[in-house]
Amino acid sequence: MFTGHRQVFESKIEEKIKNTLESLVEMGSRLVFLNGGMGQFDALCASAVRSLKKRHPEKEIQLCLSELPKKLTLNKLALIGEA
């Protein structure tokens, strides 16, 4: 589960996240990552998981967001309003 701060002050945090995810992939073939979706840390983690999925298509890797991104939600509401 990823949950973090709005701002990230650690300069090498992206590299640490990627290295940690790679080590988790080596341990299993099915991984589920939960993401709070709030703040810079969560965004970095979500991006790292999406990259991981591209690098390891043979693995079952899922990213579960706590809520839909605001842009997607607004687009969906607009479509519902047109119906």
Protein backbone atom coordinates (compact mmCIF):
# COMPACT_ATOMS: atom_id res chain seq x y z
CA MET A 1 0.00 0.00 0.00
CA PHE A 2 1.27 3.42 -0.95
CA THR A 3 0.36 6.42 1.10
CA GLY A 4 2.53 9.45 1.45
CA HIS A 5 2.89 13.16 1.60
CA ARG A 6 1.72 15.92 -0.70
CA GLN A 7 5.31 16.96 -1.35
CA VAL A 8 8.42 14.80 -1.59
CA PHE A 9 11.67 16.26 -0.36
CA GLU A 10 13.88 13.17 -0.77
CA SER A 11 15.87 13.62 -3.98
CA LYS A 12 16.40 9.90 -4.70
CA ILE A 13 12.93 8.67 -3.75
CA GLU A 14 11.95 7.72 -7.33
CA GLU A 15 14.99 5.45 -7.62
CA LYS A 16 14.23 3.89 -4.23
CA ILE A 17 10.62 3.23 -5.22
CA LYS A 18 11.65 1.61 -8.52
CA ASN A 19 14.28 -0.57 -6.82
CA THR A 20 11.82 -1.69 -4.17
CA LEU A 21 9.17 -2.57 -6.76
CA GLU A 22 11.69 -4.52 -8.85
CA SER A 23 12.66 -6.57 -5.80
CA LEU A 24 8.98 -7.31 -5.10
CA VAL A 25 8.45 -8.46 -8.70
CA GLU A 26 11.31 -10.92 -8.31
CA MET A 27 9.51 -12.50 -5.33
CA GLY A 28 6.15 -13.16 -6.95
CA SER A 29 4.15 -13.38 -10.13
CA ARG A 30 1.00 -11.64 -8.86
CA LEU A 31 1.20 -8.25 -7.21
CA VAL A 32 -1.51 -5.79 -6.17
CA PHE A 33 -0.55 -2.24 -5.23
CA LEU A 34 -3.01 -0.03 -3.37
CA ASN A 35 -2.56 3.69 -3.85
CA GLY A 36 -4.11 6.52 -1.84
CA GLY A 37 -4.00 8.82 -4.85
CA MET A 38 -3.23 11.96 -2.88
CA GLY A 39 -0.02 13.90 -3.20
CA GLN A 40 3.29 13.70 -4.95
CA PHE A 41 4.49 10.48 -3.31
CA ASP A 42 1.40 8.55 -4.37
CA ALA A 43 1.75 9.90 -7.91
CA LEU A 44 5.39 8.77 -8.07
CA CYS A 45 4.42 5.31 -6.84
CA ALA A 46 1.55 4.97 -9.33
CA SER A 47 3.85 5.99 -12.17
CA ALA A 48 6.46 3.47 -11.04
CA VAL A 49 3.86 0.67 -10.97
CA ARG A 50 2.67 1.55 -14.49
CA SER A 51 6.30 1.40 -15.71
CA LEU A 52 6.78 -1.90 -13.92
CA LYS A 53 3.75 -3.37 -15.74
CA LYS A 54 5.29 -2.39 -19.08
CA ARG A 55 8.67 -3.92 -18.21
CA HIS A 56 7.15 -7.17 -16.89
CA PRO A 57 4.16 -8.11 -19.06
CA GLU A 58 4.55 -11.73 -17.95
CA LYS A 59 3.59 -10.77 -14.37
CA GLU A 60 0.12 -9.99 -13.08
CA ILE A 61 0.55 -6.50 -11.64
CA GLN A 62 -2.47 -4.47 -10.56
CA LEU A 63 -2.68 -0.86 -9.40
CA CYS A 64 -5.77 -0.04 -7.34
CA LEU A 65 -6.49 3.65 -6.88
CA SER A 66 -8.62 4.84 -3.97
CA GLU A 67 -10.60 7.10 -6.30
CA LEU A 68 -10.83 7.96 -9.97
CA PRO A 69 -8.56 10.76 -11.14
CA LYS A 70 -10.42 14.09 -11.12
CA LYS A 71 -10.17 14.53 -14.91
CA LEU A 72 -11.64 11.08 -15.58
CA THR A 73 -14.41 11.64 -13.05
CA LEU A 74 -15.39 14.95 -14.62
CA ASN A 75 -15.39 13.40 -18.11
CA LYS A 76 -17.59 10.56 -16.88
CA LEU A 77 -20.05 12.95 -15.29
CA ALA A 78 -20.23 14.92 -18.53
CA LEU A 79 -21.06 11.75 -20.45
CA ILE A 80 -23.77 10.77 -17.96
CA GLY A 81 -25.29 14.25 -18.28
CA GLU A 82 -25.58 13.81 -22.05
CA ALA A 83 -27.57 10.58 -21.80
